[in-house]
């Protein structure tokens, strides 16, 4: 049986697409998905599976006319959602509840720092999808291996740094070190028009948030920081 939070959308898997060795895209279809109400980047839903828990996932793409959504799921660890995603097939049933999530305030931004590990990569990519050409974006993405880098599309002027751990670094270390060393938003480049969006392991995100606010002096409303998970906690919530 499903545990049904509201509002809920009954869906079924219609396609699975491996994106990398650790990331798979699941396309869902459902009759009420045109009413899902995806209005801005980084919005998310709770995905519930039969006889299992629910977890939060970013809506990667929403196609109301086709009654479809794409959700990209990281195949890490031995969690029930990762196991389900690794074996999902067309016809499998699920429930999506939501959407939720605040709209990142990027109005007037001309320089944007994006920092994410693989857990937050789908959300970061929804931001890149909608950036205008006037924005200079600097992306730092920590991934498991170099083979997990993805092709990126955006109208913005984008500089991307992929940070593969390759089994040699703890999760969050490379991302933290790279952003602390970056000078893309430092003065005198200025904070007017500058913003940052960072997400991933909670302790790493907290360190980077303090750096952006304290060391670089970015305004609080221009630093969007979210811990998606935390070392040693199975069900971290922030």
C-alpha atoms as a PDB file:
ATOM      1  CA  UNK A   1       0.000   0.000   0.000  1.00  0.00           C
ATOM      2  CA  UNK A   2       1.015   3.616  -0.629  1.00  0.00           C
ATOM      3  CA  UNK A   3       1.223   6.182   2.118  1.00  0.00           C
ATOM      4  CA  UNK A   4      -0.480   9.084   0.353  1.00  0.00           C
ATOM      5  CA  UNK A   5       0.517  12.609   1.331  1.00  0.00           C
ATOM      6  CA  UNK A   6      -1.582  15.329  -0.299  1.00  0.00           C
ATOM      7  CA  UNK A   7      -1.712  16.703  -2.940  1.00  0.00           C
ATOM      8  CA  UNK A   8      -0.818  13.446  -4.629  1.00  0.00           C
ATOM      9  CA  UNK A   9      -0.470  12.367  -8.247  1.00  0.00           C
ATOM     10  CA  UNK A  10      -0.703   8.711  -9.250  1.00  0.00           C
ATOM     11  CA  UNK A  11       1.941   8.023 -11.876  1.00  0.00           C
ATOM     12  CA  UNK A  12       3.618   5.173 -13.687  1.00  0.00           C
ATOM     13  CA  UNK A  13       7.067   4.766 -15.141  1.00  0.00           C
ATOM     14  CA  UNK A  14       7.111   5.054 -18.930  1.00  0.00           C
ATOM     15  CA  UNK A  15      10.879   5.224 -19.517  1.00  0.00           C
ATOM     16  CA  UNK A  16      14.221   4.934 -17.748  1.00  0.00           C
ATOM     17  CA  UNK A  17      17.337   6.572 -19.176  1.00  0.00           C
ATOM     18  CA  UNK A  18      20.803   6.019 -17.677  1.00  0.00           C
ATOM     19  CA  UNK A  19      22.620   9.367 -17.706  1.00  0.00           C
ATOM     20  CA  UNK A  20      25.832   8.220 -16.021  1.00  0.00           C
ATOM     21  CA  UNK A  21      26.947   5.219 -13.983  1.00  0.00           C
ATOM     22  CA  UNK A  22      25.448   6.855 -10.882  1.00  0.00           C
ATOM     23  CA  UNK A  23      22.504   8.861 -12.250  1.00  0.00           C
ATOM     24  CA  UNK A  24      19.367   7.642 -13.981  1.00  0.00           C
ATOM     25  CA  UNK A  25      16.409   9.571 -15.361  1.00  0.00           C
ATOM     26  CA  UNK A  26      12.951   8.174 -14.760  1.00  0.00           C
ATOM     27  CA  UNK A  27      10.095   9.526 -16.856  1.00  0.00           C
ATOM     28  CA  UNK A  28       6.675   9.328 -15.231  1.00  0.00           C
ATOM     29  CA  UNK A  29       3.244   9.763 -16.769  1.00  0.00           C
ATOM     30  CA  UNK A  30      -0.014  10.488 -14.983  1.00  0.00           C
ATOM     31  CA  UNK A  31      -3.394  12.042 -15.808  1.00  0.00           C
ATOM     32  CA  UNK A  32      -3.095  14.829 -13.218  1.00  0.00           C
ATOM     33  CA  UNK A  33       0.485  15.875 -14.032  1.00  0.00           C
ATOM     34  CA  UNK A  34      -0.645  18.857 -16.153  1.00  0.00           C
ATOM     35  CA  UNK A  35      -1.854  20.320 -12.826  1.00  0.00           C
ATOM     36  CA  UNK A  36       1.451  19.759 -11.027  1.00  0.00           C
ATOM     37  CA  UNK A  37       2.217  23.484 -11.097  1.00  0.00           C
ATOM     38  CA  UNK A  38       5.955  23.669 -11.781  1.00  0.00           C
ATOM     39  CA  UNK A  39       6.624  27.406 -11.909  1.00  0.00           C
ATOM     40  CA  UNK A  40      10.331  27.897 -11.235  1.00  0.00           C
ATOM     41  CA  UNK A  41      13.686  26.083 -10.992  1.00  0.00           C
ATOM     42  CA  UNK A  42      14.548  23.721  -8.122  1.00  0.00           C
ATOM     43  CA  UNK A  43      10.955  22.743  -7.298  1.00  0.00           C
ATOM     44  CA  UNK A  44      10.656  19.239  -5.882  1.00  0.00           C
ATOM     45  CA  UNK A  45       8.170  16.526  -5.073  1.00  0.00           C
ATOM     46  CA  UNK A  46       8.036  13.610  -2.675  1.00  0.00           C
ATOM     47  CA  UNK A  47       8.329  10.335  -4.562  1.00  0.00           C
ATOM     48  CA  UNK A  48       6.620   7.407  -2.837  1.00  0.00           C
ATOM     49  CA  UNK A  49       6.933   3.791  -3.943  1.00  0.00           C
ATOM     50  CA  UNK A  50       4.805   0.764  -2.987  1.00  0.00           C
ATOM     51  CA  UNK A  51       5.663  -0.646   0.436  1.00  0.00           C
ATOM     52  CA  UNK A  52       8.449   1.888   0.796  1.00  0.00           C
ATOM     53  CA  UNK A  53       9.343   5.342   2.070  1.00  0.00           C
ATOM     54  CA  UNK A  54       9.070   8.659   0.272  1.00  0.00           C
ATOM     55  CA  UNK A  55      11.984  10.916  -0.604  1.00  0.00           C
ATOM     56  CA  UNK A  56      12.338  14.401  -2.054  1.00  0.00           C
ATOM     57  CA  UNK A  57      13.459  14.751  -5.673  1.00  0.00           C
ATOM     58  CA  UNK A  58      13.775  17.711  -7.997  1.00  0.00           C
ATOM     59  CA  UNK A  59      11.509  17.846 -11.017  1.00  0.00           C
ATOM     60  CA  UNK A  60      14.083  17.932 -13.783  1.00  0.00           C
ATOM     61  CA  UNK A  61      11.581  18.595 -16.551  1.00  0.00           C
ATOM     62  CA  UNK A  62       7.799  18.963 -16.697  1.00  0.00           C
ATOM     63  CA  UNK A  63       5.844  18.484 -19.932  1.00  0.00           C
ATOM     64  CA  UNK A  64       2.227  19.317 -19.062  1.00  0.00           C
ATOM     65  CA  UNK A  65       0.902  18.735 -22.580  1.00  0.00           C
ATOM     66  CA  UNK A  66       2.267  15.181 -22.529  1.00  0.00           C
ATOM     67  CA  UNK A  67       1.310  14.514 -18.872  1.00  0.00           C
ATOM     68  CA  UNK A  68       4.961  13.727 -18.114  1.00  0.00           C
ATOM     69  CA  UNK A  69       7.764  14.609 -15.724  1.00  0.00           C
ATOM     70  CA  UNK A  70      11.416  13.611 -15.569  1.00  0.00           C
ATOM     71  CA  UNK A  71      13.131  12.929 -12.248  1.00  0.00           C
ATOM     72  CA  UNK A  72      16.881  12.237 -12.068  1.00  0.00           C
ATOM     73  CA  UNK A  73      17.820   9.861  -9.245  1.00  0.00           C
ATOM     74  CA  UNK A  74      21.307   9.240  -7.870  1.00  0.00           C
ATOM     75  CA  UNK A  75      22.031   5.528  -7.538  1.00  0.00           C
ATOM     76  CA  UNK A  76      24.076   5.709  -4.357  1.00  0.00           C
ATOM     77  CA  UNK A  77      24.174   3.560  -1.269  1.00  0.00           C
ATOM     78  CA  UNK A  78      21.642   0.858  -0.498  1.00  0.00           C
ATOM     79  CA  UNK A  79      18.569   2.978   0.165  1.00  0.00           C
ATOM     80  CA  UNK A  80      15.135   1.735  -0.914  1.00  0.00           C
ATOM     81  CA  UNK A  81      14.583   4.534  -3.456  1.00  0.00           C
ATOM     82  CA  UNK A  82      17.986   3.988  -5.062  1.00  0.00           C
ATOM     83  CA  UNK A  83      17.327   0.238  -5.247  1.00  0.00           C
ATOM     84  CA  UNK A  84      13.903   0.863  -6.747  1.00  0.00           C
ATOM     85  CA  UNK A  85      15.250   3.321  -9.311  1.00  0.00           C
ATOM     86  CA  UNK A  86      17.994   0.926 -10.390  1.00  0.00           C
ATOM     87  CA  UNK A  87      15.415  -1.721 -11.341  1.00  0.00           C
ATOM     88  CA  UNK A  88      12.431   0.451 -12.335  1.00  0.00           C
ATOM     89  CA  UNK A  89      10.631  -0.600 -15.510  1.00  0.00           C
ATOM     90  CA  UNK A  90       7.782   0.842 -17.601  1.00  0.00           C
ATOM     91  CA  UNK A  91       4.497   0.164 -15.853  1.00  0.00           C
ATOM     92  CA  UNK A  92       5.868   0.450 -12.308  1.00  0.00           C
ATOM     93  CA  UNK A  93       3.596   2.576 -10.132  1.00  0.00           C
ATOM     94  CA  UNK A  94       4.449   5.448  -7.794  1.00  0.00           C
ATOM     95  CA  UNK A  95       2.963   8.563  -6.228  1.00  0.00           C
ATOM     96  CA  UNK A  96       4.291  12.114  -6.493  1.00  0.00           C
ATOM     97  CA  UNK A  97       3.292  14.656  -3.842  1.00  0.00           C
ATOM     98  CA  UNK A  98       3.873  18.368  -4.244  1.00  0.00           C
ATOM     99  CA  UNK A  99       5.433  20.395  -5.664  1.00  0.00           C
ATOM    100  CA  UNK A 100       7.324  22.326  -3.026  1.00  0.00           C
ATOM    101  CA  UNK A 101      10.364  24.555  -2.900  1.00  0.00           C
ATOM    102  CA  UNK A 102      11.088  28.262  -2.908  1.00  0.00           C
ATOM    103  CA  UNK A 103      11.959  30.170  -6.024  1.00  0.00           C
ATOM    104  CA  UNK A 104      15.640  31.246  -5.960  1.00  0.00           C
ATOM    105  CA  UNK A 105      15.779  35.041  -6.110  1.00  0.00           C
ATOM    106  CA  UNK A 106      18.024  35.566  -9.114  1.00  0.00           C
ATOM    107  CA  UNK A 107      16.400  38.725 -10.458  1.00  0.00           C
ATOM    108  CA  UNK A 108      19.050  41.171 -11.611  1.00  0.00           C
ATOM    109  CA  UNK A 109      21.882  38.675 -11.135  1.00  0.00           C
ATOM    110  CA  UNK A 110      24.757  39.020 -13.598  1.00  0.00           C
ATOM    111  CA  UNK A 111      27.325  36.745 -11.874  1.00  0.00           C
ATOM    112  CA  UNK A 112      26.234  33.470 -10.332  1.00  0.00           C
ATOM    113  CA  UNK A 113      28.186  30.814  -8.457  1.00  0.00           C
ATOM    114  CA  UNK A 114      26.614  27.353  -8.526  1.00  0.00           C
ATOM    115  CA  UNK A 115      28.047  24.664  -6.251  1.00  0.00           C
ATOM    116  CA  UNK A 116      26.561  21.189  -5.877  1.00  0.00           C
ATOM    117  CA  UNK A 117      27.418  17.559  -5.338  1.00  0.00           C
ATOM    118  CA  UNK A 118      25.651  14.839  -7.290  1.00  0.00           C
ATOM    119  CA  UNK A 119      22.654  14.829  -4.929  1.00  0.00           C
ATOM    120  CA  UNK A 120      21.897  18.450  -5.856  1.00  0.00           C
ATOM    121  CA  UNK A 121      23.064  18.348  -9.466  1.00  0.00           C
ATOM    122  CA  UNK A 122      19.555  17.944 -10.959  1.00  0.00           C
ATOM    123  CA  UNK A 123      18.363  21.038  -9.082  1.00  0.00           C
ATOM    124  CA  UNK A 124      21.398  23.045 -10.183  1.00  0.00           C
ATOM    125  CA  UNK A 125      20.756  22.071 -13.789  1.00  0.00           C
ATOM    126  CA  UNK A 126      17.189  23.404 -13.613  1.00  0.00           C
ATOM    127  CA  UNK A 127      18.724  26.781 -12.759  1.00  0.00           C
ATOM    128  CA  UNK A 128      21.143  26.599 -15.677  1.00  0.00           C
ATOM    129  CA  UNK A 129      18.248  25.753 -17.984  1.00  0.00           C
ATOM    130  CA  UNK A 130      16.608  29.106 -17.276  1.00  0.00           C
ATOM    131  CA  UNK A 131      19.535  31.516 -16.964  1.00  0.00           C
ATOM    132  CA  UNK A 132      19.537  34.319 -19.547  1.00  0.00           C
ATOM    133  CA  UNK A 133      22.508  35.137 -21.747  1.00  0.00           C
ATOM    134  CA  UNK A 134      23.430  38.215 -19.682  1.00  0.00           C
ATOM    135  CA  UNK A 135      24.508  36.019 -16.736  1.00  0.00           C
ATOM    136  CA  UNK A 136      28.092  34.872 -16.214  1.00  0.00           C
ATOM    137  CA  UNK A 137      27.822  31.577 -14.335  1.00  0.00           C
ATOM    138  CA  UNK A 138      30.562  29.624 -12.569  1.00  0.00           C
ATOM    139  CA  UNK A 139      29.607  26.036 -11.755  1.00  0.00           C
ATOM    140  CA  UNK A 140      31.443  23.690  -9.385  1.00  0.00           C
ATOM    141  CA  UNK A 141      30.041  20.170  -9.450  1.00  0.00           C
ATOM    142  CA  UNK A 142      31.426  17.354  -7.291  1.00  0.00           C
ATOM    143  CA  UNK A 143      30.825  13.904  -8.779  1.00  0.00           C
ATOM    144  CA  UNK A 144      31.865  10.320  -8.081  1.00  0.00           C
ATOM    145  CA  UNK A 145      34.106   9.839 -11.130  1.00  0.00           C
ATOM    146  CA  UNK A 146      35.172  11.773 -14.188  1.00  0.00           C
ATOM    147  CA  UNK A 147      32.850   9.601 -16.272  1.00  0.00           C
ATOM    148  CA  UNK A 148      29.877  11.097 -14.396  1.00  0.00           C
ATOM    149  CA  UNK A 149      30.256  14.558 -15.954  1.00  0.00           C
ATOM    150  CA  UNK A 150      27.239  15.549 -18.037  1.00  0.00           C
ATOM    151  CA  UNK A 151      26.842  17.739 -21.123  1.00  0.00           C
ATOM    152  CA  UNK A 152      25.354  21.058 -20.022  1.00  0.00           C
ATOM    153  CA  UNK A 153      23.073  23.426 -21.860  1.00  0.00           C
ATOM    154  CA  UNK A 154      22.390  27.044 -20.937  1.00  0.00           C
ATOM    155  CA  UNK A 155      22.058  30.443 -22.554  1.00  0.00           C
ATOM    156  CA  UNK A 156      24.369  31.894 -19.897  1.00  0.00           C
ATOM    157  CA  UNK A 157      28.108  32.324 -20.293  1.00  0.00           C
ATOM    158  CA  UNK A 158      29.183  29.259 -18.330  1.00  0.00           C
ATOM    159  CA  UNK A 159      32.472  28.118 -16.831  1.00  0.00           C
ATOM    160  CA  UNK A 160      32.200  24.614 -15.372  1.00  0.00           C
ATOM    161  CA  UNK A 161      34.597  22.852 -13.013  1.00  0.00           C
ATOM    162  CA  UNK A 162      33.920  19.145 -12.524  1.00  0.00           C
ATOM    163  CA  UNK A 163      35.342  17.710  -9.314  1.00  0.00           C
ATOM    164  CA  UNK A 164      35.567  13.889  -9.492  1.00  0.00           C
ATOM    165  CA  UNK A 165      36.370  12.160  -6.202  1.00  0.00           C
ATOM    166  CA  UNK A 166      37.532   8.978  -7.959  1.00  0.00           C
ATOM    167  CA  UNK A 167      37.505   7.167  -4.622  1.00  0.00           C
ATOM    168  CA  UNK A 168      40.296   9.333  -3.231  1.00  0.00           C
ATOM    169  CA  UNK A 169      38.372  12.022  -1.332  1.00  0.00           C
ATOM    170  CA  UNK A 170      35.503  12.127   1.178  1.00  0.00           C
ATOM    171  CA  UNK A 171      32.230  13.514  -0.121  1.00  0.00           C
ATOM    172  CA  UNK A 172      32.078  17.295   0.144  1.00  0.00           C
ATOM    173  CA  UNK A 173      35.818  17.898   0.474  1.00  0.00           C
ATOM    174  CA  UNK A 174      36.569  18.758  -3.153  1.00  0.00           C
ATOM    175  CA  UNK A 175      33.543  21.023  -3.462  1.00  0.00           C
ATOM    176  CA  UNK A 176      34.390  22.905  -0.281  1.00  0.00           C
ATOM    177  CA  UNK A 177      38.035  23.394  -1.206  1.00  0.00           C
ATOM    178  CA  UNK A 178      37.238  24.516  -4.753  1.00  0.00           C
ATOM    179  CA  UNK A 179      34.692  27.146  -3.752  1.00  0.00           C
ATOM    180  CA  UNK A 180      36.838  28.467  -0.894  1.00  0.00           C
ATOM    181  CA  UNK A 181      39.679  28.927  -3.377  1.00  0.00           C
ATOM    182  CA  UNK A 182      37.546  30.450  -6.135  1.00  0.00           C
ATOM    183  CA  UNK A 183      37.793  34.182  -6.793  1.00  0.00           C
ATOM    184  CA  UNK A 184      34.833  34.525  -9.140  1.00  0.00           C
ATOM    185  CA  UNK A 185      32.723  36.592  -6.720  1.00  0.00           C
ATOM    186  CA  UNK A 186      35.396  38.290  -4.632  1.00  0.00           C
ATOM    187  CA  UNK A 187      35.754  42.018  -4.319  1.00  0.00           C
ATOM    188  CA  UNK A 188      36.427  44.231  -6.252  1.00  0.00           C
ATOM    189  CA  UNK A 189      34.370  42.170  -8.694  1.00  0.00           C
ATOM    190  CA  UNK A 190      31.606  43.403  -6.434  1.00  0.00           C
ATOM    191  CA  UNK A 191      28.553  41.942  -4.801  1.00  0.00           C
ATOM    192  CA  UNK A 192      26.060  44.019  -6.769  1.00  0.00           C
ATOM    193  CA  UNK A 193      24.557  41.597  -9.243  1.00  0.00           C
ATOM    194  CA  UNK A 194      26.343  38.621  -7.666  1.00  0.00           C
ATOM    195  CA  UNK A 195      24.617  35.608  -6.132  1.00  0.00           C
ATOM    196  CA  UNK A 196      25.346  32.035  -5.096  1.00  0.00           C
ATOM    197  CA  UNK A 197      23.343  28.815  -5.017  1.00  0.00           C
ATOM    198  CA  UNK A 198      24.938  25.933  -3.110  1.00  0.00           C
ATOM    199  CA  UNK A 199      23.551  22.538  -2.135  1.00  0.00           C
ATOM    200  CA  UNK A 200      24.839  19.148  -1.070  1.00  0.00           C
ATOM    201  CA  UNK A 201      26.252  17.708   2.159  1.00  0.00           C
ATOM    202  CA  UNK A 202      24.995  19.851   5.047  1.00  0.00           C
ATOM    203  CA  UNK A 203      28.310  20.537   6.812  1.00  0.00           C
ATOM    204  CA  UNK A 204      30.024  21.471   3.548  1.00  0.00           C
ATOM    205  CA  UNK A 205      27.130  23.737   2.609  1.00  0.00           C
ATOM    206  CA  UNK A 206      27.272  25.447   6.008  1.00  0.00           C
ATOM    207  CA  UNK A 207      30.993  26.116   5.606  1.00  0.00           C
ATOM    208  CA  UNK A 208      30.482  27.636   2.172  1.00  0.00           C
ATOM    209  CA  UNK A 209      27.523  29.718   3.295  1.00  0.00           C
ATOM    210  CA  UNK A 210      29.577  31.279   6.083  1.00  0.00           C
ATOM    211  CA  UNK A 211      32.379  32.001   3.610  1.00  0.00           C
ATOM    212  CA  UNK A 212      30.066  33.683   1.112  1.00  0.00           C
ATOM    213  CA  UNK A 213      28.334  35.790   3.744  1.00  0.00           C
ATOM    214  CA  UNK A 214      31.272  36.559   6.015  1.00  0.00           C
ATOM    215  CA  UNK A 215      34.379  36.556   3.846  1.00  0.00           C
ATOM    216  CA  UNK A 216      32.864  37.790   0.594  1.00  0.00           C
ATOM    217  CA  UNK A 217      30.089  39.916   2.049  1.00  0.00           C
ATOM    218  CA  UNK A 218      27.305  38.720  -0.199  1.00  0.00           C
ATOM    219  CA  UNK A 219      23.837  39.833   0.929  1.00  0.00           C
ATOM    220  CA  UNK A 220      21.859  37.133   2.722  1.00  0.00           C
ATOM    221  CA  UNK A 221      19.093  37.228   0.143  1.00  0.00           C
ATOM    222  CA  UNK A 222      21.655  36.426  -2.560  1.00  0.00           C
ATOM    223  CA  UNK A 223      23.033  33.282  -0.917  1.00  0.00           C
ATOM    224  CA  UNK A 224      20.783  30.266  -1.427  1.00  0.00           C
ATOM    225  CA  UNK A 225      22.141  27.352   0.616  1.00  0.00           C
ATOM    226  CA  UNK A 226      20.556  23.964   1.265  1.00  0.00           C
ATOM    227  CA  UNK A 227      21.866  20.829   2.919  1.00  0.00           C
ATOM    228  CA  UNK A 228      20.404  17.881   1.010  1.00  0.00           C
ATOM    229  CA  UNK A 229      21.985  15.237   3.225  1.00  0.00           C
ATOM    230  CA  UNK A 230      24.403  14.913   6.139  1.00  0.00           C
ATOM    231  CA  UNK A 231      27.189  12.476   6.961  1.00  0.00           C
ATOM    232  CA  UNK A 232      25.997  10.017   9.596  1.00  0.00           C
ATOM    233  CA  UNK A 233      22.280  10.877   9.341  1.00  0.00           C
ATOM    234  CA  UNK A 234      19.942   8.608   7.418  1.00  0.00           C
ATOM    235  CA  UNK A 235      17.049  11.062   7.070  1.00  0.00           C
ATOM    236  CA  UNK A 236      18.524  14.542   7.306  1.00  0.00           C
ATOM    237  CA  UNK A 237      16.014  17.395   7.022  1.00  0.00           C
ATOM    238  CA  UNK A 238      16.834  21.090   6.770  1.00  0.00           C
END
